């Protein structure tokens, strides 16, 4: 199972479902950095130091961070989806198929209606 770090805007119900599916997920709030507007490069640095892949719906900024610093533990960018359980399962299914998240930019989008 994956080691993941959910940034501030990532939906907590998705975090809970990913934990239920067996992933080791921590949130920026649980690390004591909630509501502090931590810069994205600093969020990524923390994740790298903890060997965790980032979970975010802040797609544009973290795609740019990936371009600037491709040596990371993975960045998973998602579209916002009110189907939190479905979103968690799509993330789970996507990362389960990968041998490693190291240096990967992974896009998980909500399904088209």
C-alpha atoms as a PDB file:
ATOM      1  CA  UNK A   1       0.000   0.000   0.000  1.00  0.00           C
ATOM      2  CA  UNK A   2       1.055   3.579  -0.637  1.00  0.00           C
ATOM      3  CA  UNK A   3       2.362   6.244   1.724  1.00  0.00           C
ATOM      4  CA  UNK A   4       0.363   9.384   0.921  1.00  0.00           C
ATOM      5  CA  UNK A   5       0.241  13.021   2.067  1.00  0.00           C
ATOM      6  CA  UNK A   6      -3.008  14.919   1.520  1.00  0.00           C
ATOM      7  CA  UNK A   7      -2.582  18.645   1.123  1.00  0.00           C
ATOM      8  CA  UNK A   8      -4.901  21.169   2.719  1.00  0.00           C
ATOM      9  CA  UNK A   9      -7.625  21.229   0.086  1.00  0.00           C
ATOM     10  CA  UNK A  10      -7.946  17.468  -0.335  1.00  0.00           C
ATOM     11  CA  UNK A  11     -11.335  16.047   0.805  1.00  0.00           C
ATOM     12  CA  UNK A  12     -11.028  14.239   4.136  1.00  0.00           C
ATOM     13  CA  UNK A  13     -13.698  11.606   3.293  1.00  0.00           C
ATOM     14  CA  UNK A  14     -11.412  10.444   0.462  1.00  0.00           C
ATOM     15  CA  UNK A  15      -8.530  10.199   2.959  1.00  0.00           C
ATOM     16  CA  UNK A  16     -10.679   8.082   5.283  1.00  0.00           C
ATOM     17  CA  UNK A  17     -11.649   5.690   2.486  1.00  0.00           C
ATOM     18  CA  UNK A  18      -8.047   5.367   1.308  1.00  0.00           C
ATOM     19  CA  UNK A  19      -7.083   4.471   4.878  1.00  0.00           C
ATOM     20  CA  UNK A  20      -9.859   1.882   4.948  1.00  0.00           C
ATOM     21  CA  UNK A  21      -8.402   0.454   1.736  1.00  0.00           C
ATOM     22  CA  UNK A  22      -5.060   0.046   3.543  1.00  0.00           C
ATOM     23  CA  UNK A  23      -3.073   3.119   2.529  1.00  0.00           C
ATOM     24  CA  UNK A  24      -0.939   5.075   5.002  1.00  0.00           C
ATOM     25  CA  UNK A  25      -2.344   8.595   4.592  1.00  0.00           C
ATOM     26  CA  UNK A  26      -1.541  11.686   6.647  1.00  0.00           C
ATOM     27  CA  UNK A  27      -2.973  15.145   6.136  1.00  0.00           C
ATOM     28  CA  UNK A  28      -1.382  18.555   6.341  1.00  0.00           C
ATOM     29  CA  UNK A  29      -3.811  19.341   9.182  1.00  0.00           C
ATOM     30  CA  UNK A  30      -2.718  16.269  11.157  1.00  0.00           C
ATOM     31  CA  UNK A  31       0.881  17.440  10.873  1.00  0.00           C
ATOM     32  CA  UNK A  32      -0.094  20.761  12.437  1.00  0.00           C
ATOM     33  CA  UNK A  33       0.088  22.908   9.311  1.00  0.00           C
ATOM     34  CA  UNK A  34      -3.604  23.444   8.567  1.00  0.00           C
ATOM     35  CA  UNK A  35      -4.854  26.950   7.711  1.00  0.00           C
ATOM     36  CA  UNK A  36      -1.286  28.261   7.375  1.00  0.00           C
ATOM     37  CA  UNK A  37      -1.208  28.654   3.581  1.00  0.00           C
ATOM     38  CA  UNK A  38       1.991  26.613   3.308  1.00  0.00           C
ATOM     39  CA  UNK A  39       3.604  27.155  -0.094  1.00  0.00           C
ATOM     40  CA  UNK A  40       3.347  24.247  -2.527  1.00  0.00           C
ATOM     41  CA  UNK A  41       7.144  23.754  -2.787  1.00  0.00           C
ATOM     42  CA  UNK A  42       7.250  23.379   1.009  1.00  0.00           C
ATOM     43  CA  UNK A  43       4.380  20.879   0.953  1.00  0.00           C
ATOM     44  CA  UNK A  44       6.235  18.886  -1.691  1.00  0.00           C
ATOM     45  CA  UNK A  45       9.483  19.055   0.302  1.00  0.00           C
ATOM     46  CA  UNK A  46       7.741  17.669   3.382  1.00  0.00           C
ATOM     47  CA  UNK A  47       6.277  14.828   1.321  1.00  0.00           C
ATOM     48  CA  UNK A  48       9.692  14.045  -0.173  1.00  0.00           C
ATOM     49  CA  UNK A  49      11.287  13.997   3.289  1.00  0.00           C
ATOM     50  CA  UNK A  50       8.582  11.598   4.505  1.00  0.00           C
ATOM     51  CA  UNK A  51       8.739   9.510   1.293  1.00  0.00           C
ATOM     52  CA  UNK A  52       5.042  10.128   0.647  1.00  0.00           C
ATOM     53  CA  UNK A  53       3.178  10.874  -2.568  1.00  0.00           C
ATOM     54  CA  UNK A  54       1.107  14.080  -2.579  1.00  0.00           C
ATOM     55  CA  UNK A  55      -2.680  13.894  -2.952  1.00  0.00           C
ATOM     56  CA  UNK A  56      -4.186  17.135  -4.241  1.00  0.00           C
ATOM     57  CA  UNK A  57      -7.005  18.735  -6.179  1.00  0.00           C
ATOM     58  CA  UNK A  58      -4.687  21.706  -6.720  1.00  0.00           C
ATOM     59  CA  UNK A  59      -3.799  20.343 -10.118  1.00  0.00           C
ATOM     60  CA  UNK A  60      -2.225  23.268 -11.964  1.00  0.00           C
ATOM     61  CA  UNK A  61       0.190  24.206  -9.176  1.00  0.00           C
ATOM     62  CA  UNK A  62       1.365  20.668  -8.477  1.00  0.00           C
ATOM     63  CA  UNK A  63       1.781  19.860 -12.171  1.00  0.00           C
ATOM     64  CA  UNK A  64       4.095  22.896 -12.244  1.00  0.00           C
ATOM     65  CA  UNK A  65       5.895  21.641  -9.117  1.00  0.00           C
ATOM     66  CA  UNK A  66       6.423  18.291 -10.847  1.00  0.00           C
ATOM     67  CA  UNK A  67       8.018  20.083 -13.815  1.00  0.00           C
ATOM     68  CA  UNK A  68      10.310  22.089 -11.514  1.00  0.00           C
ATOM     69  CA  UNK A  69      11.221  19.197  -9.221  1.00  0.00           C
ATOM     70  CA  UNK A  70      10.644  15.799 -10.857  1.00  0.00           C
ATOM     71  CA  UNK A  71      12.528  13.968  -8.085  1.00  0.00           C
ATOM     72  CA  UNK A  72       9.727  13.327  -5.610  1.00  0.00           C
ATOM     73  CA  UNK A  73       7.776  10.434  -4.144  1.00  0.00           C
ATOM     74  CA  UNK A  74       4.824  10.929  -6.476  1.00  0.00           C
ATOM     75  CA  UNK A  75       2.175  13.548  -7.111  1.00  0.00           C
ATOM     76  CA  UNK A  76      -1.436  12.473  -7.546  1.00  0.00           C
ATOM     77  CA  UNK A  77      -3.572  15.273  -8.976  1.00  0.00           C
ATOM     78  CA  UNK A  78      -7.319  14.779  -8.930  1.00  0.00           C
ATOM     79  CA  UNK A  79     -10.382  16.567 -10.179  1.00  0.00           C
ATOM     80  CA  UNK A  80     -12.839  17.378  -7.399  1.00  0.00           C
ATOM     81  CA  UNK A  81     -15.568  14.747  -7.151  1.00  0.00           C
ATOM     82  CA  UNK A  82     -18.417  14.705  -4.657  1.00  0.00           C
ATOM     83  CA  UNK A  83     -18.421  10.905  -4.907  1.00  0.00           C
ATOM     84  CA  UNK A  84     -15.675  10.612  -2.310  1.00  0.00           C
ATOM     85  CA  UNK A  85     -15.818   6.808  -2.073  1.00  0.00           C
ATOM     86  CA  UNK A  86     -15.657   6.500  -5.848  1.00  0.00           C
ATOM     87  CA  UNK A  87     -12.749   8.929  -5.986  1.00  0.00           C
ATOM     88  CA  UNK A  88     -10.838   6.988  -3.343  1.00  0.00           C
ATOM     89  CA  UNK A  89     -11.421   3.744  -5.219  1.00  0.00           C
ATOM     90  CA  UNK A  90     -10.200   5.278  -8.495  1.00  0.00           C
ATOM     91  CA  UNK A  91      -7.050   6.512  -6.741  1.00  0.00           C
ATOM     92  CA  UNK A  92      -6.556   3.102  -5.129  1.00  0.00           C
ATOM     93  CA  UNK A  93      -7.049   1.279  -8.423  1.00  0.00           C
ATOM     94  CA  UNK A  94      -4.672   3.595 -10.271  1.00  0.00           C
ATOM     95  CA  UNK A  95      -1.809   3.393  -7.797  1.00  0.00           C
ATOM     96  CA  UNK A  96      -2.221  -0.343  -7.238  1.00  0.00           C
ATOM     97  CA  UNK A  97      -1.334  -0.872 -10.914  1.00  0.00           C
ATOM     98  CA  UNK A  98       1.962   0.991 -10.573  1.00  0.00           C
ATOM     99  CA  UNK A  99       5.237  -0.592  -9.526  1.00  0.00           C
ATOM    100  CA  UNK A 100       6.406   2.697  -7.971  1.00  0.00           C
ATOM    101  CA  UNK A 101       5.073   6.205  -7.467  1.00  0.00           C
ATOM    102  CA  UNK A 102       8.595   7.709  -7.383  1.00  0.00           C
ATOM    103  CA  UNK A 103       8.830  10.683  -9.738  1.00  0.00           C
ATOM    104  CA  UNK A 104       5.382   9.985 -11.184  1.00  0.00           C
ATOM    105  CA  UNK A 105       2.736  12.590 -11.967  1.00  0.00           C
ATOM    106  CA  UNK A 106      -0.539  10.689 -11.767  1.00  0.00           C
ATOM    107  CA  UNK A 107      -3.854  12.125 -12.922  1.00  0.00           C
ATOM    108  CA  UNK A 108      -7.079  10.751 -11.461  1.00  0.00           C
ATOM    109  CA  UNK A 109     -10.137  12.393 -12.961  1.00  0.00           C
ATOM    110  CA  UNK A 110     -13.798  12.045 -12.123  1.00  0.00           C
ATOM    111  CA  UNK A 111     -15.657  10.019 -14.740  1.00  0.00           C
ATOM    112  CA  UNK A 112     -17.490  11.807 -17.517  1.00  0.00           C
ATOM    113  CA  UNK A 113     -21.255  11.802 -17.079  1.00  0.00           C
END
